[in-house]
Amino acid sequence: MRADRKKVEPLVKTARGQIEAVLKMIDEDRYCIDIINQLSATEALLRKARKEVLKGHLNGCVRDAVSCEDSKERDAKLDEIIALLDK
């Protein structure tokens, strides 16, 4: 992984903690809106982590492939990004 681990890991660990909190809220039959808010916060953290990983990939793997003379490798990396955008 080319992303900054010091940025990504805490985000994912915090999201994991929030998921555990959501499960506890469900067990406690908490108010729906409270659960939704907690899920939204978790999604925001995961989006931020995904952005950091993508940034690392673009700045590392994709940049290397684009500057490489192997057109197959270059095309493969660009196809990965296109497929990612389609998700």
Protein backbone atom coordinates (compact mmCIF):
# COMPACT_ATOMS: atom_id res chain seq x y z
CA MET A 1 0.00 0.00 0.00
CA ARG A 2 1.39 3.36 -1.02
CA ALA A 3 -0.97 5.44 1.14
CA ASP A 4 0.19 7.03 4.36
CA ARG A 5 -0.47 4.28 6.88
CA LYS A 6 -0.44 6.83 9.74
CA LYS A 7 -3.47 8.51 8.17
CA VAL A 8 -5.40 5.45 6.98
CA GLU A 9 -5.04 3.08 9.93
CA PRO A 10 -6.54 5.37 12.61
CA LEU A 11 -9.49 6.17 10.35
CA VAL A 12 -10.26 2.50 9.78
CA LYS A 13 -9.77 1.62 13.45
CA THR A 14 -12.12 4.42 14.47
CA ALA A 15 -14.68 3.20 11.93
CA ARG A 16 -14.36 -0.29 13.39
CA GLY A 17 -15.09 1.14 16.84
CA GLN A 18 -18.11 2.96 15.48
CA ILE A 19 -19.42 -0.25 13.90
CA GLU A 20 -19.07 -1.96 17.26
CA ALA A 21 -21.00 0.93 18.82
CA VAL A 22 -23.74 0.54 16.20
CA LEU A 23 -24.06 -3.15 17.01
CA LYS A 24 -24.37 -2.30 20.69
CA MET A 25 -26.99 0.34 19.88
CA ILE A 26 -28.96 -2.26 17.93
CA ASP A 27 -28.75 -4.73 20.83
CA GLU A 28 -29.99 -1.99 23.15
CA ASP A 29 -32.85 -1.18 20.77
CA ARG A 30 -31.76 2.45 20.54
CA TYR A 31 -33.59 5.14 18.60
CA CYS A 32 -33.36 4.69 14.81
CA ILE A 33 -32.08 8.20 14.11
CA ASP A 34 -29.25 7.73 16.61
CA ILE A 35 -28.20 4.55 14.81
CA ILE A 36 -28.44 6.26 11.41
CA ASN A 37 -26.27 9.13 12.64
CA GLN A 38 -23.65 6.71 13.89
CA LEU A 39 -23.71 4.83 10.57
CA SER A 40 -23.32 8.12 8.69
CA ALA A 41 -20.28 9.02 10.78
CA THR A 42 -18.79 5.60 10.03
CA GLU A 43 -19.38 6.01 6.31
CA ALA A 44 -17.67 9.41 6.39
CA LEU A 45 -14.58 7.92 8.02
CA LEU A 46 -14.44 5.10 5.50
CA ARG A 47 -14.80 7.57 2.61
CA LYS A 48 -11.90 9.57 4.03
CA ALA A 49 -9.78 6.41 4.37
CA ARG A 50 -10.67 5.34 0.83
CA LYS A 51 -9.64 8.77 -0.46
CA GLU A 52 -6.24 8.49 1.25
CA VAL A 53 -5.64 5.02 -0.20
CA LEU A 54 -6.67 6.20 -3.66
CA LYS A 55 -4.41 9.23 -3.39
CA GLY A 56 -1.49 6.96 -2.50
CA HIS A 57 -2.31 4.65 -5.39
CA LEU A 58 -2.48 7.50 -7.88
CA ASN A 59 0.69 9.15 -6.63
CA GLY A 60 2.59 5.86 -6.50
CA CYS A 61 1.39 2.91 -8.55
CA VAL A 62 -0.40 4.82 -11.30
CA ARG A 63 2.30 7.48 -11.64
CA ASP A 64 4.93 4.74 -11.95
CA ALA A 65 2.88 2.91 -14.58
CA VAL A 66 2.23 6.06 -16.61
CA SER A 67 5.94 6.90 -16.73
CA CYS A 68 6.80 3.30 -17.61
CA GLU A 69 7.46 2.25 -21.20
CA ASP A 70 5.30 -0.87 -20.89
CA SER A 71 1.99 0.11 -22.48
CA LYS A 72 0.24 -2.99 -21.10
CA GLU A 73 1.08 -2.02 -17.52
CA ARG A 74 0.05 1.58 -18.17
CA ASP A 75 -3.26 0.48 -19.72
CA ALA A 76 -3.91 -1.95 -16.85
CA LYS A 77 -3.50 0.78 -14.22
CA LEU A 78 -5.75 3.16 -16.13
CA ASP A 79 -8.35 0.39 -16.56
CA GLU A 80 -8.24 -0.17 -12.77
CA ILE A 81 -9.05 3.50 -12.17
CA ILE A 82 -11.87 3.43 -14.71
CA ALA A 83 -13.34 0.31 -13.08
CA LEU A 84 -13.05 1.97 -9.68
CA LEU A 85 -14.97 5.00 -10.93
CA ASP A 86 -17.71 2.70 -12.22
CA LYS A 87 -18.32 1.29 -8.72
